[in-house]
Amino acid sequence: MERKRTFRRAVDRVEYVSYEQGSAAIWTALLTVFVLLLGSAVCYTSWNTKRLAVSYEREAALRLAAEGALEQAARSIGQQPAARLEKNILPPREVAGEHRNIVVQVVAVETDQQAWLIATAEEKDGDIWQRHKIVRGCLEKREQEGGCVYVWKGRSR
């Protein structure tokens, strides 16, 4: 009878150990899945951050191109006497951008005592969503000795 007890105890131990091993395998599998999900979330976040940074650079390049064209047009108008402004101050022209070519243009809308300059910059070959920026500035008509001149009043947001 002594042998049966020993054998029975050994069987009980084997069943108990195998139950612990199964639990550990499940916890290991769950931990592995969790780590994989966490890693894929980190990869997606870094990819999306890179994409947003490139998008911001493209938007900044468009804004700077529009502001540069607006400043150039304001400078050319400020150097001449205030006569009747033509609508198209700077005709559309292509500027080389970092990512894509940019088309800039400046038009003027004249009122009694001021002129609004509107500069647009857009990507020539855009994605599905074509990016563009619009910048406005105001010139005020002032009397001087030789006639009227336009003076830069400021930029409108």
N, C-alpha and C. Protein backbone atom coordinates (compact mmCIF):
# COMPACT_ATOMS: atom_id res chain seq x y z
N MET A 1 0.80 -1.19 0.00
CA MET A 1 0.00 0.00 0.00
C MET A 1 0.85 1.26 0.00
N GLU A 2 1.98 1.08 0.48
CA GLU A 2 2.88 2.21 0.53
C GLU A 2 3.18 2.72 -0.88
N ARG A 3 3.28 1.83 -1.81
CA ARG A 3 3.59 2.23 -3.17
C ARG A 3 2.46 3.03 -3.80
N LYS A 4 1.23 2.64 -3.58
CA LYS A 4 0.11 3.36 -4.17
C LYS A 4 0.09 4.81 -3.69
N ARG A 5 0.36 5.01 -2.42
CA ARG A 5 0.35 6.38 -1.92
C ARG A 5 1.44 7.21 -2.60
N THR A 6 2.59 6.68 -2.74
CA THR A 6 3.68 7.40 -3.39
C THR A 6 3.31 7.70 -4.84
N PHE A 7 2.75 6.71 -5.50
CA PHE A 7 2.37 6.90 -6.89
C PHE A 7 1.27 7.95 -7.00
N ARG A 8 0.30 7.90 -6.12
CA ARG A 8 -0.79 8.85 -6.16
C ARG A 8 -0.28 10.27 -5.91
N ARG A 9 0.62 10.43 -4.98
CA ARG A 9 1.18 11.76 -4.72
C ARG A 9 1.95 12.28 -5.94
N ALA A 10 2.66 11.42 -6.59
CA ALA A 10 3.40 11.83 -7.78
C ALA A 10 2.44 12.26 -8.89
N VAL A 11 1.33 11.55 -9.06
CA VAL A 11 0.34 11.93 -10.08
C VAL A 11 -0.28 13.27 -9.74
N ASP A 12 -0.61 13.49 -8.48
CA ASP A 12 -1.18 14.77 -8.05
C ASP A 12 -0.21 15.91 -8.33
N ARG A 13 1.04 15.69 -8.07
CA ARG A 13 2.03 16.73 -8.33
C ARG A 13 2.14 17.03 -9.82
N VAL A 14 2.13 16.05 -10.64
CA VAL A 14 2.23 16.25 -12.08
C VAL A 14 1.05 17.05 -12.59
N GLU A 15 -0.16 16.72 -12.15
CA GLU A 15 -1.34 17.47 -12.58
C GLU A 15 -1.25 18.92 -12.12
N TYR A 16 -0.81 19.16 -10.89
CA TYR A 16 -0.72 20.50 -10.34
C TYR A 16 0.32 21.32 -11.10
N VAL A 17 1.46 20.72 -11.41
CA VAL A 17 2.51 21.41 -12.14
C VAL A 17 2.06 21.73 -13.55
N SER A 18 1.38 20.83 -14.21
CA SER A 18 0.94 21.09 -15.58
C SER A 18 -0.11 22.19 -15.60
N TYR A 19 -0.94 22.33 -14.57
CA TYR A 19 -1.91 23.42 -14.48
C TYR A 19 -1.19 24.75 -14.37
N GLU A 20 -0.12 24.84 -13.59
CA GLU A 20 0.66 26.06 -13.47
C GLU A 20 1.35 26.39 -14.78
N GLN A 21 1.86 25.38 -15.46
CA GLN A 21 2.54 25.62 -16.73
C GLN A 21 1.56 26.17 -17.77
N GLY A 22 0.35 25.68 -17.80
CA GLY A 22 -0.65 26.19 -18.75
C GLY A 22 -1.01 27.63 -18.46
N SER A 23 -1.14 28.00 -17.20
CA SER A 23 -1.44 29.36 -16.80
C SER A 23 -0.29 30.29 -17.20
N ALA A 24 0.93 29.85 -17.00
CA ALA A 24 2.09 30.67 -17.37
C ALA A 24 2.16 30.87 -18.88
N ALA A 25 1.81 29.84 -19.63
CA ALA A 25 1.82 29.97 -21.09
C ALA A 25 0.77 30.97 -21.56
N ILE A 26 -0.40 30.95 -20.93
CA ILE A 26 -1.45 31.92 -21.30
C ILE A 26 -1.01 33.34 -20.96
N TRP A 27 -0.44 33.52 -19.76
CA TRP A 27 0.03 34.86 -19.39
C TRP A 27 1.16 35.33 -20.30
N THR A 28 2.02 34.44 -20.69
CA THR A 28 3.10 34.80 -21.62
C THR A 28 2.55 35.20 -22.97
N ALA A 29 1.56 34.47 -23.46
CA ALA A 29 0.94 34.82 -24.74
C ALA A 29 0.24 36.17 -24.67
N LEU A 30 -0.48 36.43 -23.58
CA LEU A 30 -1.14 37.72 -23.41
C LEU A 30 -0.14 38.86 -23.32
N LEU A 31 0.95 38.65 -22.60
CA LEU A 31 1.98 39.66 -22.50
C LEU A 31 2.63 39.93 -23.87
N THR A 32 2.86 38.88 -24.64
CA THR A 32 3.43 39.04 -25.98
C THR A 32 2.50 39.84 -26.89
N VAL A 33 1.21 39.54 -26.85
CA VAL A 33 0.23 40.28 -27.66
C VAL A 33 0.21 41.75 -27.23
N PHE A 34 0.23 41.99 -25.93
CA PHE A 34 0.24 43.36 -25.43
C PHE A 34 1.46 44.13 -25.90
N VAL A 35 2.62 43.51 -25.83
CA VAL A 35 3.86 44.17 -26.27
C VAL A 35 3.81 44.43 -27.78
N LEU A 36 3.28 43.51 -28.56
CA LEU A 36 3.16 43.71 -30.00
C LEU A 36 2.21 44.87 -30.31
N LEU A 37 1.09 44.94 -29.62
CA LEU A 37 0.16 46.05 -29.82
C LEU A 37 0.79 47.38 -29.42
N LEU A 38 1.51 47.40 -28.33
CA LEU A 38 2.19 48.61 -27.90
C LEU A 38 3.25 49.04 -28.92
N GLY A 39 4.00 48.09 -29.44
CA GLY A 39 5.01 48.39 -30.46
C GLY A 39 4.40 48.92 -31.73
N SER A 40 3.27 48.34 -32.17
CA SER A 40 2.63 48.84 -33.39
C SER A 40 2.05 50.22 -33.15
N ALA A 41 1.56 50.52 -31.96
CA ALA A 41 1.07 51.86 -31.65
C ALA A 41 2.20 52.89 -31.70
N VAL A 42 3.36 52.51 -31.19
CA VAL A 42 4.52 53.41 -31.23
C VAL A 42 4.95 53.65 -32.68
N CYS A 43 4.97 52.60 -33.49
CA CYS A 43 5.35 52.74 -34.91
C CYS A 43 4.35 53.65 -35.64
N TYR A 44 3.07 53.46 -35.40
CA TYR A 44 2.05 54.28 -36.05
C TYR A 44 2.18 55.74 -35.62
N THR A 45 2.44 55.98 -34.35
CA THR A 45 2.57 57.35 -33.85
C THR A 45 3.78 58.04 -34.47
N SER A 46 4.89 57.34 -34.58
CA SER A 46 6.08 57.96 -35.19
C SER A 46 5.87 58.20 -36.68
N TRP A 47 5.19 57.31 -37.38
CA TRP A 47 4.89 57.51 -38.80
C TRP A 47 3.98 58.72 -38.98
N ASN A 48 2.96 58.83 -38.14
CA ASN A 48 2.02 59.94 -38.25
C ASN A 48 2.69 61.26 -37.90
N THR A 49 3.60 61.27 -36.95
CA THR A 49 4.33 62.47 -36.58
C THR A 49 5.20 62.94 -37.74
N LYS A 50 5.86 62.01 -38.40
CA LYS A 50 6.69 62.36 -39.56
C LYS A 50 5.83 62.95 -40.67
N ARG A 51 4.68 62.33 -40.90
CA ARG A 51 3.77 62.81 -41.94
C ARG A 51 3.26 64.23 -41.63
N LEU A 52 2.94 64.50 -40.38
CA LEU A 52 2.48 65.83 -39.99
C LEU A 52 3.59 66.86 -40.11
N ALA A 53 4.83 66.46 -39.82
CA ALA A 53 5.95 67.40 -39.95
C ALA A 53 6.16 67.79 -41.40
N VAL A 54 6.07 66.84 -42.31
CA VAL A 54 6.21 67.14 -43.74
C VAL A 54 5.07 68.05 -44.20
N SER A 55 3.87 67.77 -43.73
CA SER A 55 2.71 68.60 -44.08
C SER A 55 2.90 70.03 -43.57
N TYR A 56 3.41 70.17 -42.36
CA TYR A 56 3.65 71.51 -41.81
C TYR A 56 4.70 72.25 -42.63
N GLU A 57 5.75 71.55 -43.05
CA GLU A 57 6.79 72.19 -43.87
C GLU A 57 6.21 72.67 -45.20
N ARG A 58 5.34 71.88 -45.80
CA ARG A 58 4.71 72.29 -47.07
C ARG A 58 3.82 73.51 -46.87
N GLU A 59 3.05 73.54 -45.78
CA GLU A 59 2.19 74.69 -45.48
C GLU A 59 3.03 75.94 -45.22
N ALA A 60 4.13 75.79 -44.49
CA ALA A 60 5.00 76.93 -44.21
C ALA A 60 5.63 77.47 -45.49
N ALA A 61 6.04 76.57 -46.39
CA ALA A 61 6.62 77.02 -47.67
C ALA A 61 5.59 77.79 -48.49
N LEU A 62 4.34 77.34 -48.49
CA LEU A 62 3.29 78.07 -49.20
C LEU A 62 3.06 79.44 -48.59
N ARG A 63 2.99 79.50 -47.26
CA ARG A 63 2.76 80.78 -46.59
C ARG A 63 3.90 81.76 -46.87
N LEU A 64 5.15 81.27 -46.81
CA LEU A 64 6.29 82.14 -47.07
C LEU A 64 6.33 82.62 -48.52
N ALA A 65 5.95 81.76 -49.45
CA ALA A 65 5.91 82.17 -50.87
C ALA A 65 4.85 83.24 -51.08
N ALA A 66 3.69 83.08 -50.47
CA ALA A 66 2.63 84.09 -50.61
C ALA A 66 3.04 85.41 -49.96
N GLU A 67 3.64 85.34 -48.78
CA GLU A 67 4.08 86.57 -48.10
C GLU A 67 5.18 87.27 -48.89
N GLY A 68 6.09 86.50 -49.49
CA GLY A 68 7.15 87.10 -50.31
C GLY A 68 6.59 87.79 -51.54
N ALA A 69 5.61 87.17 -52.19
CA ALA A 69 5.00 87.79 -53.36
C ALA A 69 4.24 89.05 -52.96
N LEU A 70 3.56 89.02 -51.82
CA LEU A 70 2.84 90.19 -51.33
C LEU A 70 3.80 91.34 -51.05
N GLU A 71 4.91 91.04 -50.41
CA GLU A 71 5.91 92.08 -50.11
C GLU A 71 6.51 92.65 -51.39
N GLN A 72 6.78 91.80 -52.35
CA GLN A 72 7.34 92.26 -53.62
C GLN A 72 6.35 93.18 -54.34
N ALA A 73 5.08 92.81 -54.35
CA ALA A 73 4.06 93.64 -55.00
C ALA A 73 3.89 94.97 -54.26
N ALA A 74 3.90 94.95 -52.93
CA ALA A 74 3.75 96.18 -52.16
C ALA A 74 4.93 97.12 -52.40
N ARG A 75 6.12 96.55 -52.49
CA ARG A 75 7.31 97.35 -52.77
C ARG A 75 7.24 97.99 -54.15
N SER A 76 6.79 97.24 -55.14
CA SER A 76 6.71 97.80 -56.51
C SER A 76 5.63 98.87 -56.60
N ILE A 77 4.53 98.71 -55.88
CA ILE A 77 3.48 99.73 -55.90
C ILE A 77 3.91 100.95 -55.12
N GLY A 78 4.62 100.78 -54.02
CA GLY A 78 5.05 101.90 -53.20
C GLY A 78 6.06 102.79 -53.88
N GLN A 79 6.76 102.29 -54.88
CA GLN A 79 7.78 103.07 -55.57
C GLN A 79 7.21 103.95 -56.68
N GLN A 80 5.98 103.72 -57.07
CA GLN A 80 5.39 104.50 -58.15
C GLN A 80 4.24 105.36 -57.61
N PRO A 81 3.93 106.47 -58.30
CA PRO A 81 2.81 107.29 -57.85
C PRO A 81 1.50 106.53 -57.96
N ALA A 82 0.54 106.92 -57.10
CA ALA A 82 -0.73 106.20 -57.03
C ALA A 82 -1.62 106.58 -58.20
N ALA A 83 -1.56 105.82 -59.20
CA ALA A 83 -2.48 105.97 -60.33
C ALA A 83 -3.48 104.82 -60.20
N ARG A 84 -4.22 104.64 -61.20
CA ARG A 84 -5.18 103.53 -61.18
C ARG A 84 -4.39 102.22 -61.23
N LEU A 85 -4.62 101.36 -60.25
CA LEU A 85 -3.90 100.09 -60.19
C LEU A 85 -4.51 99.11 -61.18
N GLU A 86 -3.64 98.33 -61.79
CA GLU A 86 -4.17 97.24 -62.59
C GLU A 86 -4.51 96.07 -61.67
N LYS A 87 -5.47 95.29 -62.09
CA LYS A 87 -5.97 94.22 -61.21
C LYS A 87 -4.91 93.15 -60.94
N ASN A 88 -4.17 92.78 -61.96
CA ASN A 88 -3.17 91.72 -61.82
C ASN A 88 -1.80 92.36 -61.58
N ILE A 89 -1.40 92.48 -60.32
CA ILE A 89 -0.12 93.12 -59.99
C ILE A 89 1.04 92.21 -60.38
N LEU A 90 1.04 91.00 -59.91
CA LEU A 90 2.04 90.00 -60.30
C LEU A 90 1.29 88.86 -60.97
N PRO A 91 1.53 88.65 -62.26
CA PRO A 91 0.84 87.53 -62.93
C PRO A 91 1.31 86.20 -62.36
N PRO A 92 0.54 85.15 -62.57
CA PRO A 92 0.94 83.83 -62.03
C PRO A 92 2.32 83.43 -62.53
N ARG A 93 3.15 83.02 -61.60
CA ARG A 93 4.49 82.53 -61.96
C ARG A 93 4.84 81.38 -61.04
N GLU A 94 5.75 80.57 -61.53
CA GLU A 94 6.14 79.36 -60.81
C GLU A 94 7.40 79.61 -59.99
N VAL A 95 7.38 79.14 -58.75
CA VAL A 95 8.52 79.25 -57.85
C VAL A 95 8.89 77.83 -57.42
N ALA A 96 10.17 77.54 -57.40
CA ALA A 96 10.60 76.20 -56.99
C ALA A 96 10.46 76.06 -55.48
N GLY A 97 9.70 75.06 -55.06
CA GLY A 97 9.53 74.78 -53.64
C GLY A 97 10.38 73.59 -53.24
N GLU A 98 10.43 73.32 -51.94
CA GLU A 98 11.23 72.21 -51.45
C GLU A 98 10.63 70.86 -51.85
N HIS A 99 9.32 70.76 -51.78
CA HIS A 99 8.66 69.50 -52.09
C HIS A 99 8.05 69.50 -53.49
N ARG A 100 7.41 70.60 -53.86
CA ARG A 100 6.76 70.72 -55.17
C ARG A 100 6.90 72.16 -55.65
N ASN A 101 6.66 72.38 -56.94
CA ASN A 101 6.66 73.74 -57.46
C ASN A 101 5.42 74.48 -56.97
N ILE A 102 5.59 75.78 -56.71
CA ILE A 102 4.52 76.61 -56.17
C ILE A 102 4.20 77.71 -57.17
N VAL A 103 2.91 77.93 -57.42
CA VAL A 103 2.47 79.01 -58.31
C VAL A 103 1.98 80.15 -57.42
N VAL A 104 2.59 81.35 -57.57
CA VAL A 104 2.20 82.52 -56.79
C VAL A 104 1.63 83.58 -57.73
N GLN A 105 0.74 84.39 -57.17
CA GLN A 105 0.08 85.44 -57.94
C GLN A 105 -0.42 86.49 -56.97
N VAL A 106 -0.41 87.77 -57.39
CA VAL A 106 -0.92 88.86 -56.56
C VAL A 106 -1.90 89.68 -57.38
N VAL A 107 -3.08 89.91 -56.81
CA VAL A 107 -4.07 90.77 -57.45
C VAL A 107 -4.40 91.92 -56.50
N ALA A 108 -4.92 93.02 -57.06
CA ALA A 108 -5.26 94.20 -56.26
C ALA A 108 -6.74 94.50 -56.40
N VAL A 109 -7.33 94.91 -55.29
CA VAL A 109 -8.71 95.38 -55.28
C VAL A 109 -8.65 96.79 -54.70
N GLU A 110 -9.02 97.77 -55.52
CA GLU A 110 -8.87 99.16 -55.13
C GLU A 110 -10.21 99.75 -54.68
N THR A 111 -10.17 100.47 -53.55
CA THR A 111 -11.33 101.24 -53.08
C THR A 111 -10.95 102.71 -53.12
N ASP A 112 -11.76 103.57 -52.49
CA ASP A 112 -11.50 105.01 -52.56
C ASP A 112 -10.16 105.41 -51.95
N GLN A 113 -9.92 105.03 -50.71
CA GLN A 113 -8.72 105.48 -50.02
C GLN A 113 -7.70 104.38 -49.74
N GLN A 114 -7.95 103.19 -50.20
CA GLN A 114 -7.00 102.11 -49.95
C GLN A 114 -7.07 101.05 -51.05
N ALA A 115 -6.05 100.25 -51.06
CA ALA A 115 -5.99 99.13 -52.02
C ALA A 115 -5.64 97.87 -51.24
N TRP A 116 -6.37 96.81 -51.50
CA TRP A 116 -6.09 95.52 -50.88
C TRP A 116 -5.32 94.66 -51.86
N LEU A 117 -4.21 94.13 -51.40
CA LEU A 117 -3.43 93.19 -52.20
C LEU A 117 -3.71 91.79 -51.68
N ILE A 118 -3.99 90.88 -52.60
CA ILE A 118 -4.28 89.50 -52.23
C ILE A 118 -3.30 88.61 -52.96
N ALA A 119 -2.47 87.92 -52.20
CA ALA A 119 -1.47 87.03 -52.77
C ALA A 119 -1.90 85.59 -52.52
N THR A 120 -1.81 84.77 -53.55
CA THR A 120 -2.14 83.36 -53.40
C THR A 120 -0.92 82.53 -53.78
N ALA A 121 -0.77 81.43 -53.09
CA ALA A 121 0.29 80.47 -53.41
C ALA A 121 -0.34 79.09 -53.35
N GLU A 122 -0.15 78.32 -54.40
CA GLU A 122 -0.71 76.97 -54.42
C GLU A 122 0.28 76.02 -55.06
N GLU A 123 0.19 74.78 -54.67
CA GLU A 123 1.08 73.76 -55.25
C GLU A 123 0.63 73.46 -56.66
N LYS A 124 1.60 73.34 -57.54
CA LYS A 124 1.26 73.09 -58.94
C LYS A 124 0.70 71.68 -59.12
N ASP A 125 1.40 70.69 -58.62
CA ASP A 125 0.95 69.30 -58.72
C ASP A 125 0.58 68.82 -57.33
N GLY A 126 -0.65 69.06 -56.94
CA GLY A 126 -1.07 68.72 -55.59
C GLY A 126 -1.55 67.29 -55.47
N ASP A 127 -1.82 66.91 -54.26
CA ASP A 127 -2.40 65.60 -53.97
C ASP A 127 -3.89 65.67 -54.28
N ILE A 128 -4.63 64.79 -53.67
CA ILE A 128 -6.08 64.85 -53.79
C ILE A 128 -6.56 66.17 -53.19
N TRP A 129 -5.96 66.57 -52.07
CA TRP A 129 -6.27 67.85 -51.44
C TRP A 129 -5.21 68.84 -51.88
N GLN A 130 -5.56 69.76 -52.75
CA GLN A 130 -4.57 70.72 -53.24
C GLN A 130 -4.38 71.81 -52.19
N ARG A 131 -3.15 72.00 -51.77
CA ARG A 131 -2.84 72.97 -50.74
C ARG A 131 -2.67 74.35 -51.35
N HIS A 132 -3.12 75.36 -50.60
CA HIS A 132 -2.93 76.73 -51.02
C HIS A 132 -2.97 77.64 -49.79
N LYS A 133 -2.40 78.82 -49.95
CA LYS A 133 -2.42 79.83 -48.90
C LYS A 133 -2.77 81.17 -49.52
N ILE A 134 -3.53 81.96 -48.78
CA ILE A 134 -3.92 83.30 -49.22
C ILE A 134 -3.45 84.28 -48.16
N VAL A 135 -2.80 85.36 -48.60
CA VAL A 135 -2.31 86.40 -47.70
C VAL A 135 -2.82 87.73 -48.23
N ARG A 136 -3.35 88.55 -47.31
CA ARG A 136 -3.88 89.86 -47.71
C ARG A 136 -3.10 90.97 -47.02
N GLY A 137 -2.96 92.08 -47.72
CA GLY A 137 -2.32 93.26 -47.14
C GLY A 137 -3.03 94.51 -47.64
N CYS A 138 -2.92 95.58 -46.85
CA CYS A 138 -3.63 96.81 -47.17
C CYS A 138 -2.63 97.93 -47.43
N LEU A 139 -2.88 98.68 -48.51
CA LEU A 139 -2.11 99.89 -48.82
C LEU A 139 -3.07 101.07 -48.71
N GLU A 140 -2.60 102.13 -48.07
CA GLU A 140 -3.43 103.31 -47.90
C GLU A 140 -2.97 104.41 -48.85
N LYS A 141 -3.92 105.10 -49.46
CA LYS A 141 -3.60 106.17 -50.39
C LYS A 141 -3.39 107.46 -49.58
N ARG A 142 -2.21 108.08 -49.74
CA ARG A 142 -1.90 109.31 -49.01
C ARG A 142 -1.47 110.40 -49.98
N GLU A 143 -1.84 111.61 -49.62
CA GLU A 143 -1.47 112.78 -50.43
C GLU A 143 -0.02 113.18 -50.13
N GLN A 144 0.73 113.47 -51.19
CA GLN A 144 2.09 113.99 -51.05
C GLN A 144 2.24 115.17 -51.98
N GLU A 145 3.43 115.72 -52.02
CA GLU A 145 3.67 116.91 -52.84
C GLU A 145 3.41 116.65 -54.32
N GLY A 146 3.90 115.56 -54.83
CA GLY A 146 3.77 115.28 -56.26
C GLY A 146 2.49 114.55 -56.64
N GLY A 147 1.60 114.30 -55.72
CA GLY A 147 0.37 113.55 -56.00
C GLY A 147 0.11 112.54 -54.89
N CYS A 148 -0.58 111.50 -55.22
CA CYS A 148 -0.92 110.46 -54.23
C CYS A 148 0.07 109.30 -54.34
N VAL A 149 0.35 108.70 -53.21
CA VAL A 149 1.17 107.49 -53.18
C VAL A 149 0.48 106.47 -52.27
N TYR A 150 0.81 105.22 -52.49
CA TYR A 150 0.30 104.16 -51.61
C TYR A 150 1.34 103.86 -50.54
N VAL A 151 0.87 103.77 -49.29
CA VAL A 151 1.74 103.49 -48.15
C VAL A 151 1.24 102.19 -47.51
N TRP A 152 2.18 101.34 -47.17
CA TRP A 152 1.84 100.03 -46.57
C TRP A 152 1.19 100.25 -45.22
N LYS A 153 0.00 99.72 -45.04
CA LYS A 153 -0.73 99.88 -43.78
C LYS A 153 -0.57 98.64 -42.90
N GLY A 154 -0.51 97.49 -43.50
CA GLY A 154 -0.34 96.28 -42.71
C GLY A 154 -0.93 95.06 -43.38
N ARG A 155 -0.68 93.96 -42.74
CA ARG A 155 -1.16 92.67 -43.25
C ARG A 155 -2.43 92.27 -42.53
N SER A 156 -3.36 91.70 -43.24
CA SER A 156 -4.59 91.23 -42.64
C SER A 156 -4.52 89.72 -42.48
N ARG A 157 -5.06 89.21 -41.41
CA ARG A 157 -5.03 87.76 -41.19
C ARG A 157 -6.29 87.13 -41.61
